[in-house]
Each structure stands twice: as structure tokens, then as C-alpha cells.
Amino acid sequence: MQPSQVDRSKENPEKVPGERYTAMSYARVIRYACRAADRQKRVELVAAARANDPTADVSAIEAATYVPVWSPHRLRHNAGTELRRQFGIEMAQLALGHASMSATQIYAERDREKVMAAFEKAG
């Protein structure tokens, strides 16, 4: 039997592959997908630029970012912001599980539309 054909699996592993996902595994997959999509978009734009003009300078296209990398934690921020907008900061604090209001104020962004509407009303 060749070494590559030897079964190296454990008899009673603590964790079976694919049994559970962690926040880091989700973040890693999202980061990988964002970077892959960014590379693909860059390739498409460079090809289109060179199709129009084979001598085109594509350095600006190659240096730009088209798909920003984000993390799953961003979803929590967005949910907190939406809860604050719809129901107030106290609801966002409870839903996010923050002990202090100051953490929620950082986490859940202010609603700029409400501020602008208040300014319009005030004159």
C-alpha cells in the first residue's frame, strides 16, 4: 500500500470535520469570496479596457478595490443600527446584549435621516 493510500483518520475524534462552524470559519469564507469576486471584477475590467485599446494603461484598474472585504460581525452592526432606527436605542441595547448604553451608541450608528428631518422641522 502506498503512503498516500493509508487511512489516517482517528477512531474517536473529539470534533468531526464539518460538524460545526465558528465565527472565524464564516469570516474566512466571506473574506475569501470577497477577494475572489474582487479579482474576477478586476480581470473583467482589464480585459474590457484592453479590448477597446490594447495599449491602455490599466494600472489604475488593477490598483482599485471593487468588492470590499467585510466580516460577519458587520451584520450585527447593521442589525443594531436598524433596531435603533426603528425602535430606539434601548431596544438595540437589549437585542445586542450590551450592559452599557455607551457600547450600543458605538455599535448602532445614528440615523442621519432622522437628524436631517429634525433640522428641516426646526428650520
N, C-alpha and C. Protein backbone atom coordinates (compact mmCIF):
# COMPACT_ATOMS: atom_id res chain seq x y z
N MET A 1 0.84 -1.17 0.00
CA MET A 1 0.00 0.00 0.00
C MET A 1 0.90 1.25 0.00
N GLN A 2 0.51 2.20 -0.82
CA GLN A 2 1.26 3.46 -0.91
C GLN A 2 0.97 4.33 0.32
N PRO A 3 1.92 5.18 0.74
CA PRO A 3 1.67 6.06 1.89
C PRO A 3 0.47 6.97 1.69
N SER A 4 0.21 7.39 0.48
CA SER A 4 -0.93 8.26 0.23
C SER A 4 -2.27 7.54 0.37
N GLN A 5 -2.25 6.22 0.39
CA GLN A 5 -3.48 5.44 0.48
C GLN A 5 -3.80 4.99 1.92
N VAL A 6 -2.93 5.31 2.86
CA VAL A 6 -3.13 4.90 4.25
C VAL A 6 -4.23 5.74 4.88
N ASP A 7 -5.13 5.08 5.59
CA ASP A 7 -6.21 5.78 6.29
C ASP A 7 -5.66 6.39 7.57
N ARG A 8 -5.66 7.71 7.65
CA ARG A 8 -5.10 8.40 8.81
C ARG A 8 -6.17 8.96 9.75
N SER A 9 -7.41 8.61 9.54
CA SER A 9 -8.48 9.13 10.39
C SER A 9 -8.40 8.53 11.79
N LYS A 10 -8.81 9.35 12.78
CA LYS A 10 -8.79 8.91 14.17
C LYS A 10 -10.02 8.05 14.45
N GLU A 11 -9.89 7.14 15.43
CA GLU A 11 -11.02 6.27 15.75
C GLU A 11 -12.16 7.03 16.42
N ASN A 12 -11.86 7.83 17.43
CA ASN A 12 -12.88 8.59 18.15
C ASN A 12 -12.47 10.06 18.24
N PRO A 13 -12.61 10.80 17.15
CA PRO A 13 -12.18 12.20 17.18
C PRO A 13 -13.11 13.04 18.06
N GLU A 14 -12.52 14.08 18.71
CA GLU A 14 -13.33 14.99 19.52
C GLU A 14 -14.29 15.79 18.65
N LYS A 15 -13.78 16.22 17.51
CA LYS A 15 -14.58 17.04 16.60
C LYS A 15 -14.48 16.44 15.21
N VAL A 16 -15.62 16.14 14.63
CA VAL A 16 -15.67 15.57 13.29
C VAL A 16 -15.64 16.72 12.28
N PRO A 17 -14.87 16.61 11.20
CA PRO A 17 -14.86 17.68 10.19
C PRO A 17 -16.27 17.98 9.69
N GLY A 18 -16.60 19.26 9.64
CA GLY A 18 -17.91 19.67 9.17
C GLY A 18 -19.00 19.61 10.22
N GLU A 19 -18.63 19.23 11.44
CA GLU A 19 -19.63 19.09 12.50
C GLU A 19 -20.19 20.44 12.94
N ARG A 20 -19.33 21.47 12.97
CA ARG A 20 -19.79 22.79 13.38
C ARG A 20 -18.92 23.86 12.74
N TYR A 21 -19.49 25.04 12.69
CA TYR A 21 -18.77 26.18 12.13
C TYR A 21 -18.54 27.19 13.25
N THR A 22 -17.50 27.96 13.10
CA THR A 22 -17.21 29.01 14.07
C THR A 22 -17.34 30.37 13.37
N ALA A 23 -17.33 31.42 14.18
CA ALA A 23 -17.37 32.77 13.60
C ALA A 23 -16.16 32.98 12.69
N MET A 24 -15.02 32.43 13.09
CA MET A 24 -13.82 32.58 12.28
C MET A 24 -13.93 31.83 10.95
N SER A 25 -14.56 30.66 10.95
CA SER A 25 -14.69 29.93 9.69
C SER A 25 -15.62 30.67 8.73
N TYR A 26 -16.71 31.26 9.26
CA TYR A 26 -17.57 32.08 8.41
C TYR A 26 -16.81 33.29 7.88
N ALA A 27 -16.06 33.95 8.76
CA ALA A 27 -15.30 35.13 8.35
C ALA A 27 -14.28 34.78 7.27
N ARG A 28 -13.63 33.64 7.41
CA ARG A 28 -12.63 33.20 6.44
C ARG A 28 -13.27 32.96 5.07
N VAL A 29 -14.41 32.32 5.04
CA VAL A 29 -15.10 32.05 3.78
C VAL A 29 -15.57 33.34 3.12
N ILE A 30 -16.13 34.25 3.92
CA ILE A 30 -16.60 35.52 3.37
C ILE A 30 -15.43 36.32 2.82
N ARG A 31 -14.32 36.38 3.57
CA ARG A 31 -13.12 37.10 3.11
C ARG A 31 -12.61 36.50 1.79
N TYR A 32 -12.57 35.18 1.72
CA TYR A 32 -12.12 34.51 0.51
C TYR A 32 -13.04 34.85 -0.67
N ALA A 33 -14.36 34.82 -0.44
CA ALA A 33 -15.32 35.10 -1.51
C ALA A 33 -15.21 36.55 -1.98
N CYS A 34 -15.03 37.48 -1.04
CA CYS A 34 -14.89 38.89 -1.41
C CYS A 34 -13.64 39.10 -2.26
N ARG A 35 -12.55 38.49 -1.86
CA ARG A 35 -11.30 38.66 -2.61
C ARG A 35 -11.40 38.01 -3.99
N ALA A 36 -12.05 36.86 -4.06
CA ALA A 36 -12.22 36.19 -5.35
C ALA A 36 -13.09 37.03 -6.29
N ALA A 37 -14.17 37.59 -5.76
CA ALA A 37 -15.05 38.44 -6.58
C ALA A 37 -14.32 39.69 -7.02
N ASP A 38 -13.48 40.25 -6.15
CA ASP A 38 -12.71 41.44 -6.50
C ASP A 38 -11.72 41.13 -7.62
N ARG A 39 -11.04 39.98 -7.52
CA ARG A 39 -10.11 39.58 -8.58
C ARG A 39 -10.83 39.39 -9.91
N GLN A 40 -12.00 38.74 -9.86
CA GLN A 40 -12.76 38.48 -11.08
C GLN A 40 -13.20 39.79 -11.73
N LYS A 41 -13.68 40.74 -10.93
CA LYS A 41 -14.11 42.03 -11.47
C LYS A 41 -12.93 42.76 -12.09
N ARG A 42 -11.77 42.71 -11.45
CA ARG A 42 -10.56 43.36 -11.96
C ARG A 42 -10.16 42.76 -13.31
N VAL A 43 -10.20 41.44 -13.40
CA VAL A 43 -9.86 40.75 -14.66
C VAL A 43 -10.81 41.18 -15.77
N GLU A 44 -12.11 41.26 -15.46
CA GLU A 44 -13.10 41.66 -16.46
C GLU A 44 -12.86 43.09 -16.93
N LEU A 45 -12.58 44.00 -16.00
CA LEU A 45 -12.37 45.40 -16.36
C LEU A 45 -11.09 45.60 -17.17
N VAL A 46 -10.03 44.88 -16.81
CA VAL A 46 -8.78 44.97 -17.55
C VAL A 46 -8.99 44.44 -18.98
N ALA A 47 -9.70 43.31 -19.09
CA ALA A 47 -9.95 42.73 -20.41
C ALA A 47 -10.78 43.69 -21.27
N ALA A 48 -11.78 44.33 -20.67
CA ALA A 48 -12.61 45.28 -21.42
C ALA A 48 -11.79 46.50 -21.85
N ALA A 49 -10.93 46.99 -20.98
CA ALA A 49 -10.11 48.15 -21.32
C ALA A 49 -9.14 47.81 -22.44
N ARG A 50 -8.56 46.63 -22.38
CA ARG A 50 -7.60 46.23 -23.42
C ARG A 50 -8.29 45.87 -24.72
N ALA A 51 -9.55 45.46 -24.65
CA ALA A 51 -10.30 45.17 -25.88
C ALA A 51 -10.56 46.47 -26.64
N ASN A 52 -10.81 47.55 -25.89
CA ASN A 52 -11.04 48.86 -26.53
C ASN A 52 -9.75 49.49 -27.01
N ASP A 53 -8.67 49.33 -26.22
CA ASP A 53 -7.38 49.93 -26.57
C ASP A 53 -6.28 49.02 -26.04
N PRO A 54 -5.65 48.23 -26.91
CA PRO A 54 -4.61 47.29 -26.48
C PRO A 54 -3.44 47.94 -25.76
N THR A 55 -3.22 49.23 -25.96
CA THR A 55 -2.09 49.90 -25.30
C THR A 55 -2.54 50.69 -24.07
N ALA A 56 -3.77 50.48 -23.62
CA ALA A 56 -4.32 51.24 -22.50
C ALA A 56 -3.53 50.98 -21.22
N ASP A 57 -3.39 52.03 -20.42
CA ASP A 57 -2.75 51.91 -19.12
C ASP A 57 -3.81 51.41 -18.13
N VAL A 58 -3.64 50.20 -17.64
CA VAL A 58 -4.63 49.59 -16.75
C VAL A 58 -4.16 49.57 -15.30
N SER A 59 -3.14 50.33 -14.98
CA SER A 59 -2.61 50.31 -13.61
C SER A 59 -3.64 50.82 -12.60
N ALA A 60 -4.45 51.82 -12.97
CA ALA A 60 -5.48 52.33 -12.05
C ALA A 60 -6.56 51.28 -11.82
N ILE A 61 -6.90 50.54 -12.86
CA ILE A 61 -7.90 49.47 -12.73
C ILE A 61 -7.37 48.38 -11.82
N GLU A 62 -6.11 48.01 -12.00
CA GLU A 62 -5.52 46.94 -11.20
C GLU A 62 -5.32 47.35 -9.75
N ALA A 63 -5.17 48.64 -9.47
CA ALA A 63 -4.93 49.10 -8.10
C ALA A 63 -6.22 49.31 -7.31
N ALA A 64 -7.34 49.45 -7.99
CA ALA A 64 -8.61 49.76 -7.31
C ALA A 64 -9.20 48.53 -6.63
N THR A 65 -10.06 48.78 -5.64
CA THR A 65 -10.82 47.72 -4.97
C THR A 65 -12.26 47.82 -5.44
N TYR A 66 -12.81 46.72 -5.91
CA TYR A 66 -14.16 46.71 -6.45
C TYR A 66 -15.15 46.01 -5.52
N VAL A 67 -14.69 45.02 -4.79
CA VAL A 67 -15.54 44.31 -3.82
C VAL A 67 -14.82 44.39 -2.47
N PRO A 68 -15.29 45.26 -1.58
CA PRO A 68 -14.61 45.40 -0.29
C PRO A 68 -14.79 44.15 0.57
N VAL A 69 -13.79 43.83 1.36
CA VAL A 69 -13.86 42.68 2.26
C VAL A 69 -14.63 43.11 3.51
N TRP A 70 -15.54 42.27 3.95
CA TRP A 70 -16.30 42.55 5.17
C TRP A 70 -16.32 41.31 6.03
N SER A 71 -16.85 41.43 7.22
CA SER A 71 -16.89 40.29 8.14
C SER A 71 -18.33 40.05 8.60
N PRO A 72 -18.62 38.87 9.13
CA PRO A 72 -19.97 38.59 9.60
C PRO A 72 -20.37 39.52 10.75
N HIS A 73 -19.38 40.07 11.45
CA HIS A 73 -19.68 40.98 12.55
C HIS A 73 -20.40 42.23 12.04
N ARG A 74 -20.17 42.55 10.79
CA ARG A 74 -20.83 43.71 10.17
C ARG A 74 -22.35 43.53 10.16
N LEU A 75 -22.82 42.28 10.06
CA LEU A 75 -24.26 42.01 10.09
C LEU A 75 -24.85 42.40 11.44
N ARG A 76 -24.10 42.16 12.51
CA ARG A 76 -24.55 42.53 13.85
C ARG A 76 -24.65 44.06 13.98
N HIS A 77 -23.65 44.74 13.44
CA HIS A 77 -23.69 46.21 13.44
C HIS A 77 -24.92 46.71 12.69
N ASN A 78 -25.16 46.15 11.53
CA ASN A 78 -26.31 46.59 10.72
C ASN A 78 -27.63 46.32 11.42
N ALA A 79 -27.75 45.15 12.08
CA ALA A 79 -28.98 44.83 12.81
C ALA A 79 -29.17 45.81 13.97
N GLY A 80 -28.09 46.12 14.68
CA GLY A 80 -28.18 47.08 15.78
C GLY A 80 -28.60 48.46 15.30
N THR A 81 -28.05 48.87 14.17
CA THR A 81 -28.41 50.17 13.60
C THR A 81 -29.87 50.21 13.19
N GLU A 82 -30.34 49.15 12.58
CA GLU A 82 -31.74 49.09 12.15
C GLU A 82 -32.69 49.07 13.34
N LEU A 83 -32.35 48.32 14.39
CA LEU A 83 -33.18 48.30 15.60
C LEU A 83 -33.23 49.67 16.25
N ARG A 84 -32.08 50.35 16.28
CA ARG A 84 -32.05 51.69 16.86
C ARG A 84 -32.92 52.64 16.05
N ARG A 85 -32.84 52.52 14.73
CA ARG A 85 -33.63 53.40 13.87
C ARG A 85 -35.13 53.19 14.06
N GLN A 86 -35.54 51.94 14.13
CA GLN A 86 -36.97 51.64 14.20
C GLN A 86 -37.56 51.76 15.60
N PHE A 87 -36.81 51.30 16.62
CA PHE A 87 -37.39 51.15 17.95
C PHE A 87 -36.69 51.93 19.05
N GLY A 88 -35.58 52.56 18.73
CA GLY A 88 -34.86 53.33 19.75
C GLY A 88 -33.64 52.60 20.27
N ILE A 89 -32.82 53.36 20.96
CA ILE A 89 -31.55 52.81 21.41
C ILE A 89 -31.70 51.77 22.52
N GLU A 90 -32.75 51.90 23.34
CA GLU A 90 -32.95 50.92 24.42
C GLU A 90 -33.22 49.53 23.84
N MET A 91 -34.01 49.46 22.79
CA MET A 91 -34.30 48.18 22.15
C MET A 91 -33.04 47.58 21.54
N ALA A 92 -32.23 48.43 20.90
CA ALA A 92 -30.98 47.95 20.31
C ALA A 92 -30.06 47.43 21.41
N GLN A 93 -30.01 48.12 22.54
CA GLN A 93 -29.16 47.68 23.66
C GLN A 93 -29.59 46.31 24.16
N LEU A 94 -30.88 46.12 24.34
CA LEU A 94 -31.38 44.83 24.80
C LEU A 94 -31.11 43.72 23.79
N ALA A 95 -31.39 44.00 22.54
CA ALA A 95 -31.22 42.97 21.50
C ALA A 95 -29.75 42.58 21.32
N LEU A 96 -28.85 43.56 21.44
CA LEU A 96 -27.43 43.27 21.27
C LEU A 96 -26.80 42.72 22.53
N GLY A 97 -27.50 42.82 23.65
CA GLY A 97 -26.99 42.27 24.90
C GLY A 97 -25.91 43.11 25.54
N HIS A 98 -25.94 44.41 25.30
CA HIS A 98 -24.94 45.29 25.89
C HIS A 98 -25.34 45.68 27.31
N ALA A 99 -24.38 45.70 28.21
CA ALA A 99 -24.64 46.12 29.58
C ALA A 99 -24.70 47.64 29.68
N SER A 100 -23.92 48.33 28.87
CA SER A 100 -23.89 49.78 28.94
C SER A 100 -24.43 50.40 27.66
N MET A 101 -25.03 51.56 27.82
CA MET A 101 -25.58 52.28 26.67
C MET A 101 -24.45 52.79 25.77
N SER A 102 -23.29 53.08 26.35
CA SER A 102 -22.19 53.62 25.54
C SER A 102 -21.72 52.62 24.49
N ALA A 103 -21.74 51.33 24.83
CA ALA A 103 -21.36 50.31 23.84
C ALA A 103 -22.36 50.29 22.70
N THR A 104 -23.63 50.41 23.01
CA THR A 104 -24.67 50.41 21.98
C THR A 104 -24.57 51.64 21.10
N GLN A 105 -24.23 52.79 21.68
CA GLN A 105 -24.10 54.01 20.90
C GLN A 105 -22.98 53.90 19.88
N ILE A 106 -21.93 53.17 20.21
CA ILE A 106 -20.83 52.96 19.26
C ILE A 106 -21.25 51.94 18.22
N TYR A 107 -21.92 50.90 18.67
CA TYR A 107 -22.27 49.77 17.81
C TYR A 107 -23.37 50.11 16.81
N ALA A 108 -24.45 50.71 17.29
CA ALA A 108 -25.60 51.02 16.44
C ALA A 108 -25.48 52.48 15.99
N GLU A 109 -25.22 52.68 14.73
CA GLU A 109 -24.99 54.02 14.20
C GLU A 109 -26.23 54.88 14.30
N ARG A 110 -26.02 56.18 14.38
CA ARG A 110 -27.13 57.12 14.44
C ARG A 110 -27.85 57.16 13.10
N ASP A 111 -29.13 57.50 13.17
CA ASP A 111 -29.95 57.60 11.96
C ASP A 111 -29.84 59.02 11.42
N ARG A 112 -29.10 59.20 10.37
CA ARG A 112 -28.87 60.53 9.79
C ARG A 112 -30.14 61.11 9.18
N GLU A 113 -31.01 60.26 8.69
CA GLU A 113 -32.26 60.75 8.10
C GLU A 113 -33.13 61.42 9.17
N LYS A 114 -33.17 60.84 10.39
CA LYS A 114 -33.94 61.45 11.47
C LYS A 114 -33.35 62.80 11.86
N VAL A 115 -32.03 62.88 11.89
CA VAL A 115 -31.37 64.14 12.23
C VAL A 115 -31.69 65.20 11.19
N MET A 116 -31.62 64.84 9.92
CA MET A 116 -31.90 65.80 8.85
C MET A 116 -33.37 66.23 8.89
N ALA A 117 -34.27 65.28 9.19
CA ALA A 117 -35.69 65.62 9.28
C ALA A 117 -35.93 66.58 10.45
N ALA A 118 -35.24 66.38 11.55
CA ALA A 118 -35.38 67.27 12.71
C ALA A 118 -34.87 68.67 12.36
N PHE A 119 -33.75 68.75 11.64
CA PHE A 119 -33.23 70.04 11.21
C PHE A 119 -34.21 70.75 10.28
N GLU A 120 -34.82 70.00 9.37
CA GLU A 120 -35.79 70.57 8.45
C GLU A 120 -37.00 71.12 9.22
N LYS A 121 -37.45 70.36 10.23
CA LYS A 121 -38.60 70.77 11.02
C LYS A 121 -38.29 72.01 11.85
N ALA A 122 -37.07 72.05 12.39
CA ALA A 122 -36.67 73.16 13.24
C ALA A 122 -36.45 74.44 12.41
N GLY A 123 -36.16 74.26 11.17
CA GLY A 123 -35.98 75.40 10.28
C GLY A 123 -34.59 75.82 10.25
